[in-house]
């Protein structure tokens, strides 16, 4: 079996106070291995986005721990957590989250600047990733000069360029039409198969579910069932 990238151990997330407590995530244990193309699925309020945020360290659990690349990120705080997350996780958001004043090249390069990667290697990696996502020749365009699908491809490239252990995608097709979303997912599926990049999606999009190799169905904050393709 491929190496374990993420291990969530008896994780719960509770909201509320005193006698009114809501468990957004209720005692979930889950392992994600290298090369998986997994979707967390379920209706609104099932806990899928909360689980993704706990998986990434963007949210703090009420109980339990998250292990990322063998280290407990639940014990990390401040810069130690943000630096470790930066080096091991790529994020894709439904709203793209690109920096509007930067070009496509600069948006992708930004994380490599934070990692203090030398300029020659930065250029090589950014141009290579632009080719992988089909954006050759568009490196000088700013987000407003790109279509929604192209902006999301920049976001995918930005998530990949640091060569993280895993890419977490929260409803990445939500703001795209079906044709553009389908093309984007086919691209990510190809990257998963050719480069063994690990993807975990939080979604209710049937197109993602159709392409996933593993489906984790959530209901009321718990894992209801799983399907392996």
C-alpha atoms as a PDB file:
ATOM      1  CA  UNK A   1       0.000   0.000   0.000  1.00  0.00           C
ATOM      2  CA  UNK A   2       1.144   3.566  -0.706  1.00  0.00           C
ATOM      3  CA  UNK A   3       2.423   5.640   2.181  1.00  0.00           C
ATOM      4  CA  UNK A   4      -0.036   7.307   4.533  1.00  0.00           C
ATOM      5  CA  UNK A   5      -0.331  11.053   3.952  1.00  0.00           C
ATOM      6  CA  UNK A   6      -3.043  12.005   6.452  1.00  0.00           C
ATOM      7  CA  UNK A   7      -4.413  10.200   9.473  1.00  0.00           C
ATOM      8  CA  UNK A   8      -7.365  11.657  11.361  1.00  0.00           C
ATOM      9  CA  UNK A   9      -7.672   9.981  14.745  1.00  0.00           C
ATOM     10  CA  UNK A  10     -11.056  10.094  16.534  1.00  0.00           C
ATOM     11  CA  UNK A  11     -11.698  13.673  15.437  1.00  0.00           C
ATOM     12  CA  UNK A  12     -14.629  15.750  16.671  1.00  0.00           C
ATOM     13  CA  UNK A  13     -15.551  19.391  16.202  1.00  0.00           C
ATOM     14  CA  UNK A  14     -18.225  20.865  18.442  1.00  0.00           C
ATOM     15  CA  UNK A  15     -19.945  24.234  18.333  1.00  0.00           C
ATOM     16  CA  UNK A  16     -22.201  25.788  20.919  1.00  0.00           C
ATOM     17  CA  UNK A  17     -22.245  26.394  24.632  1.00  0.00           C
ATOM     18  CA  UNK A  18     -23.451  24.585  27.759  1.00  0.00           C
ATOM     19  CA  UNK A  19     -26.603  22.582  26.932  1.00  0.00           C
ATOM     20  CA  UNK A  20     -26.706  23.469  23.204  1.00  0.00           C
ATOM     21  CA  UNK A  21     -23.888  21.590  21.482  1.00  0.00           C
ATOM     22  CA  UNK A  22     -23.733  20.793  17.761  1.00  0.00           C
ATOM     23  CA  UNK A  23     -21.223  18.196  16.567  1.00  0.00           C
ATOM     24  CA  UNK A  24     -20.177  19.242  13.061  1.00  0.00           C
ATOM     25  CA  UNK A  25     -17.743  16.313  13.019  1.00  0.00           C
ATOM     26  CA  UNK A  26     -18.436  13.425  15.378  1.00  0.00           C
ATOM     27  CA  UNK A  27     -15.591  11.036  16.278  1.00  0.00           C
ATOM     28  CA  UNK A  28     -14.250  10.417  12.754  1.00  0.00           C
ATOM     29  CA  UNK A  29     -11.134   8.379  12.006  1.00  0.00           C
ATOM     30  CA  UNK A  30      -9.851   8.413   8.423  1.00  0.00           C
ATOM     31  CA  UNK A  31      -6.646   7.614   6.534  1.00  0.00           C
ATOM     32  CA  UNK A  32      -5.625   9.098   3.172  1.00  0.00           C
ATOM     33  CA  UNK A  33      -2.819   7.420   1.241  1.00  0.00           C
ATOM     34  CA  UNK A  34      -0.495   8.711  -1.442  1.00  0.00           C
ATOM     35  CA  UNK A  35      -2.046   8.806  -4.916  1.00  0.00           C
ATOM     36  CA  UNK A  36      -5.689   8.755  -3.794  1.00  0.00           C
ATOM     37  CA  UNK A  37      -8.405  10.692  -5.644  1.00  0.00           C
ATOM     38  CA  UNK A  38     -10.967  10.879  -2.855  1.00  0.00           C
ATOM     39  CA  UNK A  39     -14.210  12.818  -2.443  1.00  0.00           C
ATOM     40  CA  UNK A  40     -15.878  13.677   0.847  1.00  0.00           C
ATOM     41  CA  UNK A  41     -19.554  13.852  -0.065  1.00  0.00           C
ATOM     42  CA  UNK A  42     -22.840  14.518   1.641  1.00  0.00           C
ATOM     43  CA  UNK A  43     -25.636  17.080   1.939  1.00  0.00           C
ATOM     44  CA  UNK A  44     -25.155  20.573   3.345  1.00  0.00           C
ATOM     45  CA  UNK A  45     -24.458  20.327   7.062  1.00  0.00           C
ATOM     46  CA  UNK A  46     -23.021  16.803   6.843  1.00  0.00           C
ATOM     47  CA  UNK A  47     -19.584  18.006   7.984  1.00  0.00           C
ATOM     48  CA  UNK A  48     -17.546  17.612   4.798  1.00  0.00           C
ATOM     49  CA  UNK A  49     -16.056  21.129   4.673  1.00  0.00           C
ATOM     50  CA  UNK A  50     -15.420  21.103   8.423  1.00  0.00           C
ATOM     51  CA  UNK A  51     -13.620  17.771   8.043  1.00  0.00           C
ATOM     52  CA  UNK A  52     -11.500  19.160   5.208  1.00  0.00           C
ATOM     53  CA  UNK A  53     -10.579  22.174   7.343  1.00  0.00           C
ATOM     54  CA  UNK A  54      -9.653  19.921  10.265  1.00  0.00           C
ATOM     55  CA  UNK A  55      -7.621  17.742   7.916  1.00  0.00           C
ATOM     56  CA  UNK A  56      -5.605  20.779   6.832  1.00  0.00           C
ATOM     57  CA  UNK A  57      -5.167  22.428  10.204  1.00  0.00           C
ATOM     58  CA  UNK A  58      -7.256  25.425   9.127  1.00  0.00           C
ATOM     59  CA  UNK A  59      -9.625  24.550  11.966  1.00  0.00           C
ATOM     60  CA  UNK A  60      -8.881  23.247  15.462  1.00  0.00           C
ATOM     61  CA  UNK A  61     -10.579  20.049  16.670  1.00  0.00           C
ATOM     62  CA  UNK A  62     -12.513  19.825  19.914  1.00  0.00           C
ATOM     63  CA  UNK A  63     -11.177  16.283  20.310  1.00  0.00           C
ATOM     64  CA  UNK A  64      -8.773  14.055  18.379  1.00  0.00           C
ATOM     65  CA  UNK A  65      -5.676  14.685  16.288  1.00  0.00           C
ATOM     66  CA  UNK A  66      -4.590  15.082  12.670  1.00  0.00           C
ATOM     67  CA  UNK A  67      -1.307  13.584  11.509  1.00  0.00           C
ATOM     68  CA  UNK A  68       0.100  15.054   8.282  1.00  0.00           C
ATOM     69  CA  UNK A  69       3.163  13.433   6.699  1.00  0.00           C
ATOM     70  CA  UNK A  70       3.747  11.637   9.984  1.00  0.00           C
ATOM     71  CA  UNK A  71       3.582  14.673  12.302  1.00  0.00           C
ATOM     72  CA  UNK A  72       0.716  15.744  14.540  1.00  0.00           C
ATOM     73  CA  UNK A  73      -0.378  19.171  13.295  1.00  0.00           C
ATOM     74  CA  UNK A  74      -2.894  19.297  16.147  1.00  0.00           C
ATOM     75  CA  UNK A  75       0.056  20.061  18.445  1.00  0.00           C
ATOM     76  CA  UNK A  76       1.371  22.899  16.261  1.00  0.00           C
ATOM     77  CA  UNK A  77       0.541  26.570  16.539  1.00  0.00           C
ATOM     78  CA  UNK A  78       1.302  29.892  14.854  1.00  0.00           C
ATOM     79  CA  UNK A  79       4.179  30.002  12.367  1.00  0.00           C
ATOM     80  CA  UNK A  80       5.140  26.371  12.956  1.00  0.00           C
ATOM     81  CA  UNK A  81       1.693  25.252  11.795  1.00  0.00           C
ATOM     82  CA  UNK A  82       1.429  27.685   8.866  1.00  0.00           C
ATOM     83  CA  UNK A  83       4.939  26.832   7.612  1.00  0.00           C
ATOM     84  CA  UNK A  84       4.340  23.078   7.866  1.00  0.00           C
ATOM     85  CA  UNK A  85       0.971  23.411   6.151  1.00  0.00           C
ATOM     86  CA  UNK A  86       2.546  25.570   3.413  1.00  0.00           C
ATOM     87  CA  UNK A  87       5.174  22.920   2.690  1.00  0.00           C
ATOM     88  CA  UNK A  88       2.910  19.862   2.782  1.00  0.00           C
ATOM     89  CA  UNK A  89      -0.578  20.902   1.587  1.00  0.00           C
ATOM     90  CA  UNK A  90      -1.856  22.576  -1.565  1.00  0.00           C
ATOM     91  CA  UNK A  91      -5.251  24.284  -1.375  1.00  0.00           C
ATOM     92  CA  UNK A  92      -7.878  24.860  -4.072  1.00  0.00           C
ATOM     93  CA  UNK A  93     -10.895  26.982  -3.148  1.00  0.00           C
ATOM     94  CA  UNK A  94     -14.191  27.483  -4.991  1.00  0.00           C
ATOM     95  CA  UNK A  95     -13.542  31.256  -5.132  1.00  0.00           C
ATOM     96  CA  UNK A  96     -10.035  30.734  -6.622  1.00  0.00           C
ATOM     97  CA  UNK A  97      -8.399  33.101  -4.037  1.00  0.00           C
ATOM     98  CA  UNK A  98      -5.939  34.525  -6.559  1.00  0.00           C
ATOM     99  CA  UNK A  99      -4.140  37.807  -5.821  1.00  0.00           C
ATOM    100  CA  UNK A 100      -5.743  40.241  -8.312  1.00  0.00           C
ATOM    101  CA  UNK A 101      -2.706  42.514  -8.839  1.00  0.00           C
ATOM    102  CA  UNK A 102      -0.412  39.594  -9.692  1.00  0.00           C
ATOM    103  CA  UNK A 103      -0.111  37.809 -13.027  1.00  0.00           C
ATOM    104  CA  UNK A 104      -0.781  34.099 -13.413  1.00  0.00           C
ATOM    105  CA  UNK A 105       2.968  33.482 -13.220  1.00  0.00           C
ATOM    106  CA  UNK A 106       3.320  35.595 -10.063  1.00  0.00           C
ATOM    107  CA  UNK A 107       0.323  33.976  -8.360  1.00  0.00           C
ATOM    108  CA  UNK A 108       1.826  30.536  -8.918  1.00  0.00           C
ATOM    109  CA  UNK A 109       5.348  31.669  -7.992  1.00  0.00           C
ATOM    110  CA  UNK A 110       4.293  33.313  -4.726  1.00  0.00           C
ATOM    111  CA  UNK A 111       4.482  30.206  -2.547  1.00  0.00           C
ATOM    112  CA  UNK A 112       7.949  29.415  -3.911  1.00  0.00           C
ATOM    113  CA  UNK A 113       9.059  32.898  -2.867  1.00  0.00           C
ATOM    114  CA  UNK A 114       7.827  32.149   0.646  1.00  0.00           C
ATOM    115  CA  UNK A 115       9.814  28.918   0.563  1.00  0.00           C
ATOM    116  CA  UNK A 116      12.908  30.860  -0.579  1.00  0.00           C
ATOM    117  CA  UNK A 117      13.359  28.733  -3.709  1.00  0.00           C
ATOM    118  CA  UNK A 118      16.137  30.156  -5.976  1.00  0.00           C
ATOM    119  CA  UNK A 119      14.917  32.245  -8.930  1.00  0.00           C
ATOM    120  CA  UNK A 120      16.123  29.843 -11.643  1.00  0.00           C
ATOM    121  CA  UNK A 121      14.302  26.909 -10.053  1.00  0.00           C
ATOM    122  CA  UNK A 122      11.195  29.040  -9.480  1.00  0.00           C
ATOM    123  CA  UNK A 123      10.996  29.955 -13.159  1.00  0.00           C
ATOM    124  CA  UNK A 124      11.538  26.374 -14.276  1.00  0.00           C
ATOM    125  CA  UNK A 125       8.876  24.990 -11.944  1.00  0.00           C
ATOM    126  CA  UNK A 126       6.289  27.681 -12.754  1.00  0.00           C
ATOM    127  CA  UNK A 127       6.664  27.345 -16.522  1.00  0.00           C
ATOM    128  CA  UNK A 128       6.526  23.557 -16.233  1.00  0.00           C
ATOM    129  CA  UNK A 129       3.327  23.678 -14.175  1.00  0.00           C
ATOM    130  CA  UNK A 130       1.737  26.211 -16.556  1.00  0.00           C
ATOM    131  CA  UNK A 131       2.284  23.683 -19.330  1.00  0.00           C
ATOM    132  CA  UNK A 132       0.787  20.880 -17.204  1.00  0.00           C
ATOM    133  CA  UNK A 133      -2.440  22.862 -16.667  1.00  0.00           C
ATOM    134  CA  UNK A 134      -2.708  24.102 -20.266  1.00  0.00           C
ATOM    135  CA  UNK A 135      -1.928  27.777 -19.652  1.00  0.00           C
ATOM    136  CA  UNK A 136       1.219  28.227 -21.717  1.00  0.00           C
ATOM    137  CA  UNK A 137       1.317  31.754 -23.139  1.00  0.00           C
ATOM    138  CA  UNK A 138      -1.029  33.149 -20.478  1.00  0.00           C
ATOM    139  CA  UNK A 139       1.567  33.643 -17.764  1.00  0.00           C
ATOM    140  CA  UNK A 140       1.449  37.466 -17.974  1.00  0.00           C
ATOM    141  CA  UNK A 141      -2.336  37.767 -17.640  1.00  0.00           C
ATOM    142  CA  UNK A 142      -3.905  38.943 -14.417  1.00  0.00           C
ATOM    143  CA  UNK A 143      -6.964  37.136 -12.991  1.00  0.00           C
ATOM    144  CA  UNK A 144      -9.415  39.645 -14.537  1.00  0.00           C
ATOM    145  CA  UNK A 145      -7.975  38.786 -17.966  1.00  0.00           C
ATOM    146  CA  UNK A 146      -8.691  35.076 -17.507  1.00  0.00           C
ATOM    147  CA  UNK A 147     -11.925  33.095 -17.640  1.00  0.00           C
ATOM    148  CA  UNK A 148     -13.248  31.379 -14.517  1.00  0.00           C
ATOM    149  CA  UNK A 149     -11.917  28.043 -15.695  1.00  0.00           C
ATOM    150  CA  UNK A 150      -8.498  29.531 -16.439  1.00  0.00           C
ATOM    151  CA  UNK A 151      -8.396  31.174 -13.008  1.00  0.00           C
ATOM    152  CA  UNK A 152      -9.132  27.838 -11.370  1.00  0.00           C
ATOM    153  CA  UNK A 153      -6.345  26.257 -13.432  1.00  0.00           C
ATOM    154  CA  UNK A 154      -3.987  28.889 -12.031  1.00  0.00           C
ATOM    155  CA  UNK A 155      -5.236  27.919  -8.566  1.00  0.00           C
ATOM    156  CA  UNK A 156      -4.534  24.236  -9.327  1.00  0.00           C
ATOM    157  CA  UNK A 157      -1.046  25.136 -10.580  1.00  0.00           C
ATOM    158  CA  UNK A 158      -0.395  27.214  -7.457  1.00  0.00           C
ATOM    159  CA  UNK A 159      -1.459  24.285  -5.280  1.00  0.00           C
ATOM    160  CA  UNK A 160       0.840  21.895  -7.151  1.00  0.00           C
ATOM    161  CA  UNK A 161       3.966  23.978  -7.683  1.00  0.00           C
ATOM    162  CA  UNK A 162       5.332  23.501  -4.157  1.00  0.00           C
ATOM    163  CA  UNK A 163       5.107  19.728  -4.643  1.00  0.00           C
ATOM    164  CA  UNK A 164       2.963  19.114  -1.557  1.00  0.00           C
ATOM    165  CA  UNK A 165       2.049  15.734  -0.128  1.00  0.00           C
ATOM    166  CA  UNK A 166      -1.649  16.356  -0.761  1.00  0.00           C
ATOM    167  CA  UNK A 167      -4.015  18.797  -2.454  1.00  0.00           C
ATOM    168  CA  UNK A 168      -7.269  19.652  -0.677  1.00  0.00           C
ATOM    169  CA  UNK A 169     -10.038  21.089  -2.844  1.00  0.00           C
ATOM    170  CA  UNK A 170     -13.194  22.618  -1.351  1.00  0.00           C
ATOM    171  CA  UNK A 171     -16.003  22.612  -3.954  1.00  0.00           C
ATOM    172  CA  UNK A 172     -13.540  23.526  -6.760  1.00  0.00           C
ATOM    173  CA  UNK A 173     -16.188  23.411  -9.519  1.00  0.00           C
ATOM    174  CA  UNK A 174     -18.905  25.377  -7.679  1.00  0.00           C
ATOM    175  CA  UNK A 175     -18.383  28.594  -9.665  1.00  0.00           C
ATOM    176  CA  UNK A 176     -17.837  26.932 -13.043  1.00  0.00           C
ATOM    177  CA  UNK A 177     -20.263  25.869 -15.749  1.00  0.00           C
ATOM    178  CA  UNK A 178     -20.554  22.131 -16.328  1.00  0.00           C
ATOM    179  CA  UNK A 179     -18.346  22.061 -19.440  1.00  0.00           C
ATOM    180  CA  UNK A 180     -15.533  24.055 -17.816  1.00  0.00           C
ATOM    181  CA  UNK A 181     -15.835  22.086 -14.581  1.00  0.00           C
ATOM    182  CA  UNK A 182     -15.672  18.792 -16.429  1.00  0.00           C
ATOM    183  CA  UNK A 183     -12.532  19.837 -18.324  1.00  0.00           C
ATOM    184  CA  UNK A 184     -10.874  20.979 -15.088  1.00  0.00           C
ATOM    185  CA  UNK A 185     -11.680  17.691 -13.359  1.00  0.00           C
ATOM    186  CA  UNK A 186     -10.354  15.667 -16.286  1.00  0.00           C
ATOM    187  CA  UNK A 187      -7.109  17.632 -16.002  1.00  0.00           C
ATOM    188  CA  UNK A 188      -6.830  16.949 -12.260  1.00  0.00           C
ATOM    189  CA  UNK A 189      -7.646  13.272 -12.811  1.00  0.00           C
ATOM    190  CA  UNK A 190      -4.851  13.054 -15.388  1.00  0.00           C
ATOM    191  CA  UNK A 191      -2.399  14.748 -13.006  1.00  0.00           C
ATOM    192  CA  UNK A 192      -3.427  12.278 -10.313  1.00  0.00           C
ATOM    193  CA  UNK A 193      -2.841   9.287 -12.570  1.00  0.00           C
ATOM    194  CA  UNK A 194       0.357  10.466 -14.294  1.00  0.00           C
ATOM    195  CA  UNK A 195       2.086  12.254 -11.413  1.00  0.00           C
ATOM    196  CA  UNK A 196       0.489  10.347  -8.500  1.00  0.00           C
ATOM    197  CA  UNK A 197      -0.684  13.631  -6.950  1.00  0.00           C
ATOM    198  CA  UNK A 198      -3.023  13.011  -4.011  1.00  0.00           C
ATOM    199  CA  UNK A 199      -6.355  14.859  -4.139  1.00  0.00           C
ATOM    200  CA  UNK A 200      -9.128  15.101  -1.550  1.00  0.00           C
ATOM    201  CA  UNK A 201     -12.310  16.964  -2.493  1.00  0.00           C
ATOM    202  CA  UNK A 202     -15.157  18.301  -0.394  1.00  0.00           C
ATOM    203  CA  UNK A 203     -18.108  18.278  -2.758  1.00  0.00           C
ATOM    204  CA  UNK A 204     -21.679  17.481  -3.688  1.00  0.00           C
ATOM    205  CA  UNK A 205     -20.840  17.724  -7.431  1.00  0.00           C
ATOM    206  CA  UNK A 206     -21.789  14.518  -9.232  1.00  0.00           C
ATOM    207  CA  UNK A 207     -18.995  15.090 -11.790  1.00  0.00           C
ATOM    208  CA  UNK A 208     -16.388  14.814  -9.037  1.00  0.00           C
ATOM    209  CA  UNK A 209     -18.117  11.812  -7.516  1.00  0.00           C
ATOM    210  CA  UNK A 210     -18.120  10.063 -10.908  1.00  0.00           C
ATOM    211  CA  UNK A 211     -14.334  10.499 -11.227  1.00  0.00           C
ATOM    212  CA  UNK A 212     -13.330   9.730  -7.639  1.00  0.00           C
ATOM    213  CA  UNK A 213     -11.592   6.451  -6.862  1.00  0.00           C
ATOM    214  CA  UNK A 214     -12.867   6.592  -3.295  1.00  0.00           C
ATOM    215  CA  UNK A 215     -16.055   8.130  -1.936  1.00  0.00           C
ATOM    216  CA  UNK A 216     -16.465   8.892   1.768  1.00  0.00           C
ATOM    217  CA  UNK A 217     -20.131   9.582   2.489  1.00  0.00           C
ATOM    218  CA  UNK A 218     -20.809  11.815   5.501  1.00  0.00           C
ATOM    219  CA  UNK A 219     -24.074  12.136   7.394  1.00  0.00           C
ATOM    220  CA  UNK A 220     -24.641  14.200  10.538  1.00  0.00           C
ATOM    221  CA  UNK A 221     -20.914  14.600  11.093  1.00  0.00           C
ATOM    222  CA  UNK A 222     -20.076  10.904  10.866  1.00  0.00           C
ATOM    223  CA  UNK A 223     -18.842   8.572   8.130  1.00  0.00           C
ATOM    224  CA  UNK A 224     -21.955   6.817   6.886  1.00  0.00           C
ATOM    225  CA  UNK A 225     -20.255   4.539   4.351  1.00  0.00           C
ATOM    226  CA  UNK A 226     -17.422   4.339   1.810  1.00  0.00           C
ATOM    227  CA  UNK A 227     -17.105   3.205  -1.782  1.00  0.00           C
ATOM    228  CA  UNK A 228     -13.841   2.153  -3.434  1.00  0.00           C
ATOM    229  CA  UNK A 229     -13.745   2.036  -7.229  1.00  0.00           C
END
